[in-house]
Structures are given as C-alpha cells and as structure tokens.
Amino acid sequence: MDGFAQTPTIVSSPQILFDDGLPQLDRDGGFKGAVAAKAAGISYRQLDYWARTGLVEPTVQSATGSGSQRLYGFRDILVLKLVKRLLDTGISLQQIRTAVAQLRESGVHDLAETTLMSDGASVYLCTSNDEVIDLVSRGQGVFGIAVGKVLREVETSLVDLDERREDAQQESNQLDELAARRQARKIS
C-alpha cells in the first residue's frame, strides 16, 4: 500500500474535498474566517496562510481584494481541522499538501468510515477496517485519525460557537435596551 488507497468515487467539484453525503454548500451562507479558525483549532494567521498558499481555500467565497472576506463551508473547516491534526503529529506541511491533493483526486464517499493513517512520513487513506489492519500489520501505521470523529468535533465546535454568539447578541441587546431606557429618562 504505497501512498493512498484508491477509491472508486470521484469528487464532484475540484474545490470540494469530500463527496460524502453532507449537505451541499449554501452559496449564500458560510462561516467567516475567525469562526472557521476557532472551530478548526488554528490561528487566524494559519488560516490566512493556508488560504493564500492554496492548501485549504474557502469554497463558499474567496477573498477578492481589500475589505472582502473569505467564507468557509463545513467541509473546508473539516479539512482545516484534519490538516491541524496532521501537523500536530509531526507530518511536514509539504507532505500534508501532497495528501490533501491526493484526497481531492481520489474522493471519499463515507467520511464516518475513513481513517487517515501515517507512519510519520507518509499519509495513507484507509476506507475500511481491513485496510487499517493491513497497514498496521506491515508496520506502516504509527497513528490514525478517524475522520468521522473529527467531523463530529467540528459540528460540536460550530454549534458551541453559534450558541456563544447568540448569548453575546442577547447580552448586547439587553445592554442596548438599558441604554435606551437611561437615554429616555435623561430626555424626560
């Protein structure tokens, strides 16, 4: 098993990393860079660098000049988190770029059943338990990342961030209401 296990599915769009049954991108929505970075557990500076260098580009909206903002889809955030995990395990950014490119080319149908394995130098895509066992039995797999688990972590992060945003908005509205009452008292 050299490099990646081949899968028969093809990614429907060259910019979308996975064709896995997740809801299609909402072209009118998306997550701002700051939210995407927080959900993926990376700094905004990393996010910006990875977008500018083409490692993980936003699929909802690219930055088109000064003042414009990137909007990231759920899949983009999942890829950001996977890249972060691979970096945390010591895989070089160059090897990760190769892995992301190969993932885009091969496509993945069922993320919940996918595991990224590595021997510290190469990254392998395993779409079945048999592939994982085969890789480990040959001594090639040192660690694995269950993509389905990372997917659920991203979902949870986004829900938590949304709840915090709503709480902050409610607090802001309450403060605005209090300020309006004070202003009304001053006028009368």
N, C-alpha and C. Protein backbone atom coordinates (compact mmCIF):
# COMPACT_ATOMS: atom_id res chain seq x y z
N MET A 1 0.86 -1.17 0.00
CA MET A 1 0.00 0.00 0.00
C MET A 1 0.90 1.23 0.00
N ASP A 2 1.20 1.79 -1.16
CA ASP A 2 2.03 2.98 -1.26
C ASP A 2 1.15 4.20 -1.37
N GLY A 3 1.39 5.19 -0.52
CA GLY A 3 0.63 6.44 -0.60
C GLY A 3 -0.78 6.26 -0.08
N PHE A 4 -1.74 6.38 -0.98
CA PHE A 4 -3.14 6.34 -0.59
C PHE A 4 -3.83 5.13 -1.21
N ALA A 5 -4.79 4.58 -0.47
CA ALA A 5 -5.64 3.54 -1.04
C ALA A 5 -6.54 4.21 -2.07
N GLN A 6 -6.74 3.59 -3.19
CA GLN A 6 -7.58 4.17 -4.22
C GLN A 6 -9.05 3.87 -3.95
N THR A 7 -9.90 4.84 -4.17
CA THR A 7 -11.34 4.65 -4.02
C THR A 7 -11.99 4.94 -5.36
N PRO A 8 -13.10 4.30 -5.68
CA PRO A 8 -13.71 4.46 -6.99
C PRO A 8 -14.50 5.75 -7.17
N THR A 9 -14.84 6.45 -6.09
CA THR A 9 -15.66 7.65 -6.25
C THR A 9 -14.81 8.84 -6.65
N ILE A 10 -15.42 9.74 -7.40
CA ILE A 10 -14.74 10.94 -7.85
C ILE A 10 -15.40 12.14 -7.18
N VAL A 11 -14.60 13.09 -6.77
CA VAL A 11 -15.13 14.31 -6.16
C VAL A 11 -15.89 15.07 -7.23
N SER A 12 -17.10 15.55 -6.88
CA SER A 12 -17.96 16.20 -7.87
C SER A 12 -17.46 17.57 -8.28
N SER A 13 -16.71 18.23 -7.42
CA SER A 13 -16.18 19.55 -7.74
C SER A 13 -14.72 19.58 -7.32
N PRO A 14 -13.84 20.14 -8.12
CA PRO A 14 -12.44 20.11 -7.77
C PRO A 14 -12.12 20.88 -6.48
N GLN A 15 -13.00 21.78 -6.06
CA GLN A 15 -12.73 22.54 -4.86
C GLN A 15 -13.25 21.86 -3.60
N ILE A 16 -14.18 20.94 -3.73
CA ILE A 16 -14.74 20.26 -2.56
C ILE A 16 -13.92 19.00 -2.32
N LEU A 17 -13.39 18.86 -1.11
CA LEU A 17 -12.52 17.74 -0.83
C LEU A 17 -13.26 16.42 -0.76
N PHE A 18 -14.43 16.40 -0.13
CA PHE A 18 -15.15 15.15 0.05
C PHE A 18 -16.52 15.19 -0.59
N ASP A 19 -16.90 14.09 -1.22
CA ASP A 19 -18.25 13.91 -1.73
C ASP A 19 -18.86 12.81 -0.88
N ASP A 20 -19.48 13.19 0.23
CA ASP A 20 -19.79 12.22 1.28
C ASP A 20 -21.23 12.21 1.77
N GLY A 21 -22.13 12.88 1.07
CA GLY A 21 -23.50 12.91 1.53
C GLY A 21 -23.79 14.04 2.48
N LEU A 22 -22.80 14.87 2.84
CA LEU A 22 -23.08 16.05 3.65
C LEU A 22 -23.92 17.00 2.83
N PRO A 23 -24.68 17.88 3.46
CA PRO A 23 -25.48 18.83 2.70
C PRO A 23 -24.61 19.65 1.76
N GLN A 24 -25.16 19.97 0.60
CA GLN A 24 -24.42 20.77 -0.37
C GLN A 24 -24.18 22.16 0.20
N LEU A 25 -23.15 22.81 -0.30
CA LEU A 25 -22.81 24.14 0.19
C LEU A 25 -23.93 25.13 -0.09
N ASP A 26 -24.19 25.95 0.88
CA ASP A 26 -25.13 27.05 0.72
C ASP A 26 -24.33 28.24 0.21
N ARG A 27 -24.50 28.59 -1.04
CA ARG A 27 -23.70 29.66 -1.65
C ARG A 27 -24.01 31.02 -1.04
N ASP A 28 -25.10 31.15 -0.30
CA ASP A 28 -25.43 32.41 0.34
C ASP A 28 -24.94 32.47 1.79
N GLY A 29 -24.43 31.35 2.30
CA GLY A 29 -24.00 31.30 3.69
C GLY A 29 -22.54 30.98 3.79
N GLY A 30 -22.14 30.46 4.90
CA GLY A 30 -20.75 30.12 5.14
C GLY A 30 -20.31 30.67 6.48
N PHE A 31 -19.10 30.34 6.84
CA PHE A 31 -18.55 30.76 8.11
C PHE A 31 -17.39 31.72 7.86
N LYS A 32 -17.38 32.83 8.59
CA LYS A 32 -16.29 33.79 8.47
C LYS A 32 -14.99 33.14 8.92
N GLY A 33 -13.89 33.72 8.50
CA GLY A 33 -12.58 33.17 8.80
C GLY A 33 -12.32 32.97 10.28
N ALA A 34 -12.71 33.94 11.09
CA ALA A 34 -12.47 33.83 12.53
C ALA A 34 -13.20 32.63 13.12
N VAL A 35 -14.43 32.39 12.67
CA VAL A 35 -15.21 31.25 13.16
C VAL A 35 -14.58 29.94 12.68
N ALA A 36 -14.19 29.91 11.40
CA ALA A 36 -13.56 28.71 10.84
C ALA A 36 -12.28 28.37 11.59
N ALA A 37 -11.48 29.39 11.88
CA ALA A 37 -10.22 29.17 12.60
C ALA A 37 -10.48 28.62 14.00
N LYS A 38 -11.43 29.21 14.71
CA LYS A 38 -11.74 28.74 16.07
C LYS A 38 -12.25 27.30 16.04
N ALA A 39 -13.16 27.00 15.11
CA ALA A 39 -13.73 25.65 15.03
C ALA A 39 -12.66 24.62 14.68
N ALA A 40 -11.68 25.01 13.88
CA ALA A 40 -10.61 24.09 13.48
C ALA A 40 -9.48 24.02 14.50
N GLY A 41 -9.47 24.98 15.44
CA GLY A 41 -8.42 24.99 16.46
C GLY A 41 -7.10 25.53 15.95
N ILE A 42 -7.17 26.46 15.00
CA ILE A 42 -5.95 27.07 14.44
C ILE A 42 -6.02 28.57 14.62
N SER A 43 -4.89 29.23 14.39
CA SER A 43 -4.88 30.68 14.48
C SER A 43 -5.39 31.27 13.17
N TYR A 44 -5.83 32.52 13.26
CA TYR A 44 -6.30 33.19 12.04
C TYR A 44 -5.13 33.35 11.06
N ARG A 45 -3.95 33.54 11.60
CA ARG A 45 -2.76 33.68 10.75
C ARG A 45 -2.52 32.40 9.94
N GLN A 46 -2.67 31.22 10.58
CA GLN A 46 -2.54 29.95 9.85
C GLN A 46 -3.61 29.85 8.77
N LEU A 47 -4.82 30.17 9.13
CA LEU A 47 -5.93 30.11 8.18
C LEU A 47 -5.63 30.97 6.95
N ASP A 48 -5.19 32.18 7.19
CA ASP A 48 -4.86 33.10 6.11
C ASP A 48 -3.74 32.54 5.24
N TYR A 49 -2.69 32.03 5.86
CA TYR A 49 -1.56 31.48 5.12
C TYR A 49 -1.99 30.28 4.27
N TRP A 50 -2.76 29.38 4.87
CA TRP A 50 -3.20 28.19 4.14
C TRP A 50 -4.09 28.56 2.96
N ALA A 51 -4.91 29.60 3.12
CA ALA A 51 -5.76 30.05 2.01
C ALA A 51 -4.91 30.70 0.92
N ARG A 52 -3.99 31.57 1.30
CA ARG A 52 -3.15 32.26 0.31
C ARG A 52 -2.25 31.31 -0.46
N THR A 53 -1.81 30.23 0.19
CA THR A 53 -0.91 29.28 -0.47
C THR A 53 -1.66 28.13 -1.14
N GLY A 54 -2.99 28.13 -1.04
CA GLY A 54 -3.79 27.12 -1.73
C GLY A 54 -3.92 25.79 -1.02
N LEU A 55 -3.47 25.68 0.22
CA LEU A 55 -3.61 24.41 0.94
C LEU A 55 -5.08 24.11 1.21
N VAL A 56 -5.77 25.04 1.85
CA VAL A 56 -7.21 24.92 2.09
C VAL A 56 -7.84 26.26 1.77
N GLU A 57 -8.49 26.31 0.63
CA GLU A 57 -9.14 27.54 0.20
C GLU A 57 -10.63 27.47 0.52
N PRO A 58 -11.25 28.59 0.84
CA PRO A 58 -12.69 28.58 1.13
C PRO A 58 -13.48 28.28 -0.14
N THR A 59 -14.49 27.43 -0.01
CA THR A 59 -15.29 27.07 -1.18
C THR A 59 -16.56 27.89 -1.30
N VAL A 60 -16.96 28.60 -0.24
CA VAL A 60 -18.17 29.41 -0.32
C VAL A 60 -17.85 30.76 -0.95
N GLN A 61 -16.80 31.43 -0.47
CA GLN A 61 -16.42 32.72 -1.04
C GLN A 61 -14.95 32.99 -0.77
N SER A 62 -14.21 33.29 -1.83
CA SER A 62 -12.80 33.66 -1.69
C SER A 62 -12.70 35.16 -1.45
N ALA A 63 -11.59 35.56 -0.86
CA ALA A 63 -11.33 36.99 -0.71
C ALA A 63 -10.99 37.54 -2.09
N THR A 64 -11.63 38.64 -2.44
CA THR A 64 -11.43 39.20 -3.79
C THR A 64 -10.75 40.55 -3.77
N GLY A 65 -10.19 40.92 -2.65
CA GLY A 65 -9.50 42.19 -2.55
C GLY A 65 -9.65 42.77 -1.16
N SER A 66 -9.13 43.97 -1.00
CA SER A 66 -9.17 44.63 0.29
C SER A 66 -10.61 44.82 0.76
N GLY A 67 -10.87 44.43 1.99
CA GLY A 67 -12.21 44.60 2.56
C GLY A 67 -13.14 43.43 2.34
N SER A 68 -12.79 42.52 1.44
CA SER A 68 -13.65 41.35 1.23
C SER A 68 -13.26 40.27 2.22
N GLN A 69 -14.15 39.35 2.46
CA GLN A 69 -13.85 38.30 3.43
C GLN A 69 -14.08 36.92 2.82
N ARG A 70 -13.31 35.98 3.32
CA ARG A 70 -13.47 34.60 2.91
C ARG A 70 -14.61 33.99 3.71
N LEU A 71 -15.36 33.11 3.06
CA LEU A 71 -16.40 32.35 3.75
C LEU A 71 -16.12 30.87 3.53
N TYR A 72 -16.05 30.13 4.63
CA TYR A 72 -15.71 28.72 4.61
C TYR A 72 -16.94 27.86 4.81
N GLY A 73 -17.01 26.76 4.08
CA GLY A 73 -18.07 25.78 4.25
C GLY A 73 -17.68 24.77 5.32
N PHE A 74 -18.62 23.93 5.70
CA PHE A 74 -18.38 22.91 6.71
C PHE A 74 -17.22 22.01 6.31
N ARG A 75 -17.22 21.56 5.06
CA ARG A 75 -16.15 20.68 4.59
C ARG A 75 -14.78 21.36 4.70
N ASP A 76 -14.74 22.64 4.40
CA ASP A 76 -13.49 23.38 4.50
C ASP A 76 -12.96 23.34 5.93
N ILE A 77 -13.85 23.54 6.89
CA ILE A 77 -13.45 23.54 8.29
C ILE A 77 -12.99 22.15 8.71
N LEU A 78 -13.65 21.13 8.20
CA LEU A 78 -13.23 19.75 8.48
C LEU A 78 -11.81 19.53 7.96
N VAL A 79 -11.52 19.98 6.76
CA VAL A 79 -10.18 19.83 6.19
C VAL A 79 -9.16 20.62 7.01
N LEU A 80 -9.53 21.83 7.43
CA LEU A 80 -8.63 22.62 8.27
C LEU A 80 -8.26 21.86 9.54
N LYS A 81 -9.26 21.25 10.16
CA LYS A 81 -9.02 20.52 11.41
C LYS A 81 -8.17 19.27 11.15
N LEU A 82 -8.39 18.60 10.03
CA LEU A 82 -7.57 17.43 9.69
C LEU A 82 -6.12 17.85 9.43
N VAL A 83 -5.92 18.95 8.73
CA VAL A 83 -4.57 19.45 8.48
C VAL A 83 -3.89 19.77 9.81
N LYS A 84 -4.62 20.41 10.70
CA LYS A 84 -4.08 20.74 12.02
C LYS A 84 -3.67 19.48 12.77
N ARG A 85 -4.51 18.45 12.74
CA ARG A 85 -4.19 17.19 13.42
C ARG A 85 -2.92 16.57 12.83
N LEU A 86 -2.81 16.59 11.50
CA LEU A 86 -1.62 16.02 10.86
C LEU A 86 -0.36 16.81 11.24
N LEU A 87 -0.47 18.13 11.27
CA LEU A 87 0.67 18.95 11.68
C LEU A 87 1.06 18.65 13.13
N ASP A 88 0.06 18.48 14.00
CA ASP A 88 0.31 18.21 15.41
C ASP A 88 1.05 16.88 15.61
N THR A 89 0.90 15.96 14.67
CA THR A 89 1.56 14.66 14.80
C THR A 89 2.95 14.66 14.17
N GLY A 90 3.35 15.80 13.61
CA GLY A 90 4.71 15.90 13.09
C GLY A 90 4.85 15.72 11.59
N ILE A 91 3.73 15.58 10.89
CA ILE A 91 3.79 15.46 9.43
C ILE A 91 4.18 16.82 8.86
N SER A 92 5.06 16.82 7.87
CA SER A 92 5.50 18.09 7.28
C SER A 92 4.37 18.71 6.46
N LEU A 93 4.39 20.02 6.38
CA LEU A 93 3.38 20.73 5.60
C LEU A 93 3.44 20.31 4.13
N GLN A 94 4.64 20.04 3.63
CA GLN A 94 4.79 19.58 2.25
C GLN A 94 4.08 18.24 2.05
N GLN A 95 4.24 17.31 2.98
CA GLN A 95 3.58 16.01 2.89
C GLN A 95 2.07 16.17 3.02
N ILE A 96 1.63 17.10 3.87
CA ILE A 96 0.20 17.34 4.03
C ILE A 96 -0.38 17.90 2.73
N ARG A 97 0.34 18.81 2.08
CA ARG A 97 -0.12 19.34 0.79
C ARG A 97 -0.31 18.21 -0.21
N THR A 98 0.62 17.28 -0.25
CA THR A 98 0.52 16.13 -1.15
C THR A 98 -0.70 15.28 -0.79
N ALA A 99 -0.89 15.05 0.52
CA ALA A 99 -2.02 14.24 0.97
C ALA A 99 -3.35 14.89 0.61
N VAL A 100 -3.46 16.21 0.83
CA VAL A 100 -4.71 16.92 0.51
C VAL A 100 -4.97 16.85 -0.99
N ALA A 101 -3.95 17.03 -1.80
CA ALA A 101 -4.11 16.94 -3.26
C ALA A 101 -4.57 15.55 -3.67
N GLN A 102 -3.97 14.51 -3.08
CA GLN A 102 -4.37 13.15 -3.42
C GLN A 102 -5.77 12.84 -2.94
N LEU A 103 -6.15 13.38 -1.78
CA LEU A 103 -7.52 13.19 -1.30
C LEU A 103 -8.52 13.81 -2.27
N ARG A 104 -8.19 15.01 -2.75
CA ARG A 104 -9.08 15.67 -3.71
C ARG A 104 -9.23 14.83 -4.97
N GLU A 105 -8.13 14.26 -5.43
CA GLU A 105 -8.16 13.46 -6.66
C GLU A 105 -8.94 12.17 -6.48
N SER A 106 -8.77 11.50 -5.33
CA SER A 106 -9.40 10.20 -5.15
C SER A 106 -10.84 10.31 -4.68
N GLY A 107 -11.15 11.33 -3.91
CA GLY A 107 -12.51 11.47 -3.39
C GLY A 107 -12.78 10.46 -2.30
N VAL A 108 -13.72 10.76 -1.45
CA VAL A 108 -14.11 9.86 -0.36
C VAL A 108 -15.62 9.91 -0.27
N HIS A 109 -16.24 8.75 -0.19
CA HIS A 109 -17.70 8.73 -0.15
C HIS A 109 -18.24 8.79 1.28
N ASP A 110 -17.71 7.98 2.17
CA ASP A 110 -18.26 7.90 3.52
C ASP A 110 -17.21 8.33 4.55
N LEU A 111 -17.30 9.57 4.99
CA LEU A 111 -16.31 10.09 5.93
C LEU A 111 -16.31 9.35 7.26
N ALA A 112 -17.46 8.93 7.72
CA ALA A 112 -17.55 8.29 9.03
C ALA A 112 -16.72 7.00 9.07
N GLU A 113 -16.49 6.40 7.92
CA GLU A 113 -15.74 5.14 7.86
C GLU A 113 -14.31 5.32 7.38
N THR A 114 -13.82 6.55 7.33
CA THR A 114 -12.49 6.83 6.81
C THR A 114 -11.51 7.10 7.94
N THR A 115 -10.30 6.59 7.78
CA THR A 115 -9.24 6.82 8.74
C THR A 115 -7.99 7.26 7.98
N LEU A 116 -7.36 8.33 8.45
CA LEU A 116 -6.07 8.74 7.91
C LEU A 116 -5.01 8.11 8.79
N MET A 117 -4.11 7.35 8.20
CA MET A 117 -3.03 6.69 8.95
C MET A 117 -1.71 7.29 8.48
N SER A 118 -0.73 7.25 9.36
CA SER A 118 0.59 7.74 8.99
C SER A 118 1.66 6.95 9.70
N ASP A 119 2.81 6.89 9.04
CA ASP A 119 3.98 6.27 9.64
C ASP A 119 4.97 7.34 10.08
N GLY A 120 4.52 8.59 10.06
CA GLY A 120 5.36 9.70 10.43
C GLY A 120 5.96 10.41 9.23
N ALA A 121 5.93 9.75 8.08
CA ALA A 121 6.48 10.36 6.86
C ALA A 121 5.42 10.46 5.77
N SER A 122 4.64 9.42 5.62
CA SER A 122 3.59 9.39 4.60
C SER A 122 2.23 9.31 5.25
N VAL A 123 1.21 9.72 4.51
CA VAL A 123 -0.17 9.67 4.99
C VAL A 123 -0.92 8.69 4.09
N TYR A 124 -1.69 7.80 4.69
CA TYR A 124 -2.44 6.78 3.97
C TYR A 124 -3.93 6.97 4.24
N LEU A 125 -4.74 6.82 3.22
CA LEU A 125 -6.19 6.90 3.34
C LEU A 125 -6.75 5.50 3.42
N CYS A 126 -7.38 5.17 4.52
CA CYS A 126 -7.97 3.85 4.71
C CYS A 126 -9.49 4.00 4.78
N THR A 127 -10.19 3.29 3.92
CA THR A 127 -11.65 3.39 3.89
C THR A 127 -12.33 2.15 4.46
N SER A 128 -11.53 1.24 5.01
CA SER A 128 -12.12 0.05 5.65
C SER A 128 -11.23 -0.38 6.81
N ASN A 129 -11.80 -1.14 7.72
CA ASN A 129 -11.03 -1.68 8.84
C ASN A 129 -9.93 -2.61 8.35
N ASP A 130 -10.20 -3.35 7.27
CA ASP A 130 -9.20 -4.27 6.72
C ASP A 130 -7.97 -3.51 6.25
N GLU A 131 -8.17 -2.34 5.63
CA GLU A 131 -7.02 -1.54 5.18
C GLU A 131 -6.21 -1.05 6.37
N VAL A 132 -6.88 -0.66 7.44
CA VAL A 132 -6.18 -0.21 8.65
C VAL A 132 -5.36 -1.36 9.22
N ILE A 133 -5.97 -2.51 9.35
CA ILE A 133 -5.29 -3.69 9.91
C ILE A 133 -4.10 -4.08 9.04
N ASP A 134 -4.29 -4.08 7.72
CA ASP A 134 -3.22 -4.42 6.79
C ASP A 134 -2.04 -3.46 6.94
N LEU A 135 -2.34 -2.18 7.04
CA LEU A 135 -1.30 -1.16 7.17
C LEU A 135 -0.54 -1.33 8.48
N VAL A 136 -1.26 -1.54 9.57
CA VAL A 136 -0.63 -1.69 10.88
C VAL A 136 0.18 -2.99 10.94
N SER A 137 -0.33 -4.06 10.36
CA SER A 137 0.38 -5.34 10.40
C SER A 137 1.69 -5.29 9.62
N ARG A 138 1.78 -4.38 8.63
CA ARG A 138 3.02 -4.21 7.89
C ARG A 138 3.96 -3.23 8.59
N GLY A 139 3.51 -2.70 9.71
CA GLY A 139 4.35 -1.78 10.47
C GLY A 139 4.37 -0.37 9.91
N GLN A 140 3.44 -0.06 9.00
CA GLN A 140 3.44 1.26 8.39
C GLN A 140 2.61 2.27 9.14
N GLY A 141 1.63 1.83 9.90
CA GLY A 141 0.76 2.77 10.60
C GLY A 141 1.24 3.04 12.01
N VAL A 142 1.62 4.26 12.28
CA VAL A 142 2.04 4.65 13.62
C VAL A 142 0.87 5.27 14.37
N PHE A 143 0.08 6.06 13.68
CA PHE A 143 -1.08 6.67 14.30
C PHE A 143 -2.18 6.80 13.26
N GLY A 144 -3.39 6.98 13.75
CA GLY A 144 -4.52 7.13 12.85
C GLY A 144 -5.43 8.25 13.32
N ILE A 145 -6.11 8.87 12.37
CA ILE A 145 -7.09 9.91 12.66
C ILE A 145 -8.42 9.45 12.07
N ALA A 146 -9.37 9.18 12.94
CA ALA A 146 -10.71 8.79 12.49
C ALA A 146 -11.44 10.04 12.03
N VAL A 147 -11.67 10.14 10.72
CA VAL A 147 -12.26 11.35 10.15
C VAL A 147 -13.67 11.57 10.68
N GLY A 148 -14.42 10.51 10.90
CA GLY A 148 -15.78 10.65 11.44
C GLY A 148 -15.78 11.32 12.80
N LYS A 149 -14.81 11.01 13.63
CA LYS A 149 -14.70 11.64 14.95
C LYS A 149 -14.38 13.12 14.82
N VAL A 150 -13.47 13.46 13.92
CA VAL A 150 -13.12 14.86 13.69
C VAL A 150 -14.32 15.62 13.14
N LEU A 151 -15.09 14.97 12.27
CA LEU A 151 -16.30 15.57 11.72
C LEU A 151 -17.26 15.96 12.84
N ARG A 152 -17.47 15.05 13.79
CA ARG A 152 -18.37 15.34 14.91
C ARG A 152 -17.80 16.45 15.80
N GLU A 153 -16.48 16.50 15.98
CA GLU A 153 -15.86 17.57 16.76
C GLU A 153 -16.10 18.93 16.11
N VAL A 154 -15.99 18.99 14.78
CA VAL A 154 -16.23 20.24 14.06
C VAL A 154 -17.68 20.67 14.22
N GLU A 155 -18.60 19.72 14.08
CA GLU A 155 -20.03 20.03 14.27
C GLU A 155 -20.27 20.61 15.66
N THR A 156 -19.71 19.97 16.68
CA THR A 156 -19.89 20.42 18.06
C THR A 156 -19.29 21.81 18.25
N SER A 157 -18.09 22.03 17.70
CA SER A 157 -17.45 23.35 17.82
C SER A 157 -18.30 24.43 17.21
N LEU A 158 -18.85 24.17 16.03
CA LEU A 158 -19.67 25.17 15.35
C LEU A 158 -20.95 25.45 16.11
N VAL A 159 -21.56 24.42 16.68
CA VAL A 159 -22.77 24.63 17.48
C VAL A 159 -22.44 25.45 18.72
N ASP A 160 -21.33 25.11 19.39
CA ASP A 160 -20.92 25.86 20.59
C ASP A 160 -20.63 27.32 20.25
N LEU A 161 -19.91 27.55 19.16
CA LEU A 161 -19.59 28.93 18.75
C LEU A 161 -20.86 29.71 18.42
N ASP A 162 -21.82 29.04 17.78
CA ASP A 162 -23.07 29.70 17.43
C ASP A 162 -23.86 30.05 18.68
N GLU A 163 -23.88 29.13 19.65
CA GLU A 163 -24.59 29.40 20.91
C GLU A 163 -23.95 30.57 21.66
N ARG A 164 -22.60 30.61 21.68
CA ARG A 164 -21.91 31.73 22.35
C ARG A 164 -22.20 33.04 21.64
N ARG A 165 -22.27 33.01 20.32
CA ARG A 165 -22.57 34.21 19.55
C ARG A 165 -23.98 34.69 19.86
N GLU A 166 -24.94 33.76 19.94
CA GLU A 166 -26.31 34.13 20.26
C GLU A 166 -26.40 34.70 21.67
N ASP A 167 -25.69 34.09 22.63
CA ASP A 167 -25.68 34.60 24.01
C ASP A 167 -25.11 36.02 24.05
N ALA A 168 -24.02 36.24 23.33
CA ALA A 168 -23.41 37.57 23.29
C ALA A 168 -24.35 38.58 22.65
N GLN A 169 -25.07 38.16 21.63
CA GLN A 169 -26.03 39.06 20.96
C GLN A 169 -27.16 39.42 21.91
N GLN A 170 -27.65 38.44 22.68
CA GLN A 170 -28.71 38.71 23.65
C GLN A 170 -28.23 39.68 24.72
N GLU A 171 -26.99 39.48 25.22
CA GLU A 171 -26.43 40.40 26.21
C GLU A 171 -26.31 41.79 25.63
N SER A 172 -25.87 41.89 24.40
CA SER A 172 -25.73 43.18 23.74
C SER A 172 -27.08 43.86 23.59
N ASN A 173 -28.10 43.08 23.21
CA ASN A 173 -29.45 43.64 23.08
C ASN A 173 -29.97 44.14 24.42
N GLN A 174 -29.67 43.39 25.50
CA GLN A 174 -30.12 43.81 26.83
C GLN A 174 -29.41 45.11 27.22
N LEU A 175 -28.12 45.23 26.93
CA LEU A 175 -27.39 46.46 27.24
C LEU A 175 -27.93 47.62 26.42
N ASP A 176 -28.25 47.37 25.15
CA ASP A 176 -28.82 48.42 24.31
C ASP A 176 -30.17 48.88 24.86
N GLU A 177 -30.96 47.94 25.33
CA GLU A 177 -32.26 48.27 25.90
C GLU A 177 -32.09 49.12 27.16
N LEU A 178 -31.13 48.76 28.01
CA LEU A 178 -30.85 49.51 29.22
C LEU A 178 -30.37 50.93 28.87
N ALA A 179 -29.50 51.03 27.88
CA ALA A 179 -29.01 52.35 27.45
C ALA A 179 -30.15 53.20 26.92
N ALA A 180 -31.07 52.59 26.18
CA ALA A 180 -32.22 53.33 25.65
C ALA A 180 -33.10 53.85 26.78
N ARG A 181 -33.31 53.04 27.83
CA ARG A 181 -34.11 53.48 28.97
C ARG A 181 -33.45 54.66 29.68
N ARG A 182 -32.13 54.56 29.86
CA ARG A 182 -31.40 55.66 30.50
C ARG A 182 -31.50 56.94 29.68
N GLN A 183 -31.36 56.80 28.38
CA GLN A 183 -31.46 57.96 27.49
C GLN A 183 -32.86 58.57 27.57
N ALA A 184 -33.88 57.73 27.62
CA ALA A 184 -35.25 58.22 27.70
C ALA A 184 -35.48 58.96 29.01
N ARG A 185 -34.89 58.47 30.11
CA ARG A 185 -35.02 59.15 31.40
C ARG A 185 -34.34 60.52 31.37
N LYS A 186 -33.20 60.60 30.70
CA LYS A 186 -32.48 61.89 30.60
C LYS A 186 -33.29 62.91 29.82
N ILE A 187 -33.97 62.46 28.79
CA ILE A 187 -34.75 63.35 27.93
C ILE A 187 -35.98 63.87 28.67
N SER A 188 -36.61 63.00 29.47
CA SER A 188 -37.84 63.41 30.17
C SER A 188 -37.64 64.06 31.47
